[in-house]
Amino acid sequence: MTVRRAAFVYTGGRFLLFLLFATLSWSVAGLLGYQLNGFPLLIVALLLSSVAGYFLLAVPREQLATAIAAQREGR
């Protein structure tokens, strides 16, 4: 896997996780009668997506590290 493709997959996964948790946080807060908008929503979504990304994106992260190491050795 090339570095560009591995970086695209990992970054895309991070972005999709952030969008998923932002949407879920906003929806759940609305259902519970709270208003979660703006900066607090971003903070909650960032915290939740970073923890989930640590576990869910372990394989793409390893592939990216391997691709970067292979590229360095090639130079």
C-alpha atoms as a PDB file:
ATOM      1  CA  MET A   1       0.000   0.000   0.000  1.00  0.00           C
ATOM      2  CA  THR A   2       1.361   3.402  -0.901  1.00  0.00           C
ATOM      3  CA  VAL A   3       1.798   6.160   1.653  1.00  0.00           C
ATOM      4  CA  ARG A   4      -0.745   8.344  -0.116  1.00  0.00           C
ATOM      5  CA  ARG A   5      -3.428   5.649  -0.088  1.00  0.00           C
ATOM      6  CA  ALA A   6      -2.723   4.658   3.528  1.00  0.00           C
ATOM      7  CA  ALA A   7      -2.870   8.293   4.645  1.00  0.00           C
ATOM      8  CA  PHE A   8      -6.119   8.814   2.746  1.00  0.00           C
ATOM      9  CA  VAL A   9      -7.736   5.759   4.359  1.00  0.00           C
ATOM     10  CA  TYR A  10      -6.609   6.719   7.872  1.00  0.00           C
ATOM     11  CA  THR A  11      -7.558  10.382   7.533  1.00  0.00           C
ATOM     12  CA  GLY A  12     -10.899   9.502   5.970  1.00  0.00           C
ATOM     13  CA  GLY A  13     -11.626   7.120   8.817  1.00  0.00           C
ATOM     14  CA  ARG A  14     -10.799   9.787  11.371  1.00  0.00           C
ATOM     15  CA  PHE A  15     -13.038  12.304   9.625  1.00  0.00           C
ATOM     16  CA  LEU A  16     -15.948   9.860   9.325  1.00  0.00           C
ATOM     17  CA  LEU A  17     -15.674   8.923  12.990  1.00  0.00           C
ATOM     18  CA  PHE A  18     -15.748  12.598  13.937  1.00  0.00           C
ATOM     19  CA  LEU A  19     -18.851  13.209  11.814  1.00  0.00           C
ATOM     20  CA  LEU A  20     -20.529  10.120  13.232  1.00  0.00           C
ATOM     21  CA  PHE A  21     -19.925  11.146  16.835  1.00  0.00           C
ATOM     22  CA  ALA A  22     -20.871  14.776  16.188  1.00  0.00           C
ATOM     23  CA  THR A  23     -24.180  13.635  14.717  1.00  0.00           C
ATOM     24  CA  LEU A  24     -24.800  11.117  17.481  1.00  0.00           C
ATOM     25  CA  SER A  25     -23.934  13.623  20.222  1.00  0.00           C
ATOM     26  CA  TRP A  26     -26.200  16.271  18.739  1.00  0.00           C
ATOM     27  CA  SER A  27     -29.058  13.779  18.296  1.00  0.00           C
ATOM     28  CA  VAL A  28     -28.802  12.244  21.757  1.00  0.00           C
ATOM     29  CA  ALA A  29     -28.560  15.655  23.415  1.00  0.00           C
ATOM     30  CA  GLY A  30     -31.659  16.768  21.515  1.00  0.00           C
ATOM     31  CA  LEU A  31     -33.586  13.660  22.542  1.00  0.00           C
ATOM     32  CA  LEU A  32     -32.662  14.222  26.184  1.00  0.00           C
ATOM     33  CA  GLY A  33     -33.808  17.849  26.032  1.00  0.00           C
ATOM     34  CA  TYR A  34     -30.391  19.479  26.068  1.00  0.00           C
ATOM     35  CA  GLN A  35     -29.012  21.901  23.524  1.00  0.00           C
ATOM     36  CA  LEU A  36     -25.527  20.935  22.386  1.00  0.00           C
ATOM     37  CA  ASN A  37     -24.298  23.249  19.646  1.00  0.00           C
ATOM     38  CA  GLY A  38     -21.105  24.974  18.601  1.00  0.00           C
ATOM     39  CA  PHE A  39     -17.901  24.583  20.563  1.00  0.00           C
ATOM     40  CA  PRO A  40     -19.183  22.122  23.212  1.00  0.00           C
ATOM     41  CA  LEU A  41     -20.434  19.830  20.429  1.00  0.00           C
ATOM     42  CA  LEU A  42     -17.023  19.942  18.759  1.00  0.00           C
ATOM     43  CA  ILE A  43     -15.226  19.123  22.014  1.00  0.00           C
ATOM     44  CA  VAL A  44     -17.518  16.177  22.802  1.00  0.00           C
ATOM     45  CA  ALA A  45     -17.228  14.832  19.248  1.00  0.00           C
ATOM     46  CA  LEU A  46     -13.429  15.200  19.249  1.00  0.00           C
ATOM     47  CA  LEU A  47     -13.053  13.397  22.573  1.00  0.00           C
ATOM     48  CA  LEU A  48     -15.356  10.530  21.642  1.00  0.00           C
ATOM     49  CA  SER A  49     -13.930  10.091  18.136  1.00  0.00           C
ATOM     50  CA  SER A  50     -10.338  10.153  19.375  1.00  0.00           C
ATOM     51  CA  VAL A  51     -10.988   7.375  21.891  1.00  0.00           C
ATOM     52  CA  ALA A  52     -12.946   5.295  19.366  1.00  0.00           C
ATOM     53  CA  GLY A  53     -10.357   5.941  16.656  1.00  0.00           C
ATOM     54  CA  TYR A  54      -7.594   4.588  18.853  1.00  0.00           C
ATOM     55  CA  PHE A  55      -9.292   1.201  18.855  1.00  0.00           C
ATOM     56  CA  LEU A  56     -11.197   1.158  15.558  1.00  0.00           C
ATOM     57  CA  LEU A  57      -8.429   2.556  13.353  1.00  0.00           C
ATOM     58  CA  ALA A  58      -5.556   0.451  14.653  1.00  0.00           C
ATOM     59  CA  VAL A  59      -5.156  -1.499  11.402  1.00  0.00           C
ATOM     60  CA  PRO A  60      -5.095   1.555   9.085  1.00  0.00           C
ATOM     61  CA  ARG A  61      -2.682   3.283  11.484  1.00  0.00           C
ATOM     62  CA  GLU A  62      -0.325   0.302  11.342  1.00  0.00           C
ATOM     63  CA  GLN A  63      -0.603   0.191   7.540  1.00  0.00           C
ATOM     64  CA  LEU A  64       0.300   3.884   7.372  1.00  0.00           C
ATOM     65  CA  ALA A  65       3.297   3.371   9.659  1.00  0.00           C
ATOM     66  CA  THR A  66       4.441   0.407   7.571  1.00  0.00           C
ATOM     67  CA  ALA A  67       4.069   2.356   4.320  1.00  0.00           C
ATOM     68  CA  ILE A  68       6.050   5.297   5.716  1.00  0.00           C
ATOM     69  CA  ALA A  69       8.814   2.967   6.952  1.00  0.00           C
ATOM     70  CA  ALA A  70       8.974   1.222   3.567  1.00  0.00           C
ATOM     71  CA  GLN A  71       9.218   4.565   1.792  1.00  0.00           C
ATOM     72  CA  ARG A  72      12.045   5.686   4.079  1.00  0.00           C
ATOM     73  CA  GLU A  73      13.971   2.487   3.476  1.00  0.00           C
ATOM     74  CA  GLY A  74      13.531   2.935  -0.259  1.00  0.00           C
ATOM     75  CA  ARG A  75      15.248   6.295  -0.139  1.00  0.00           C
END
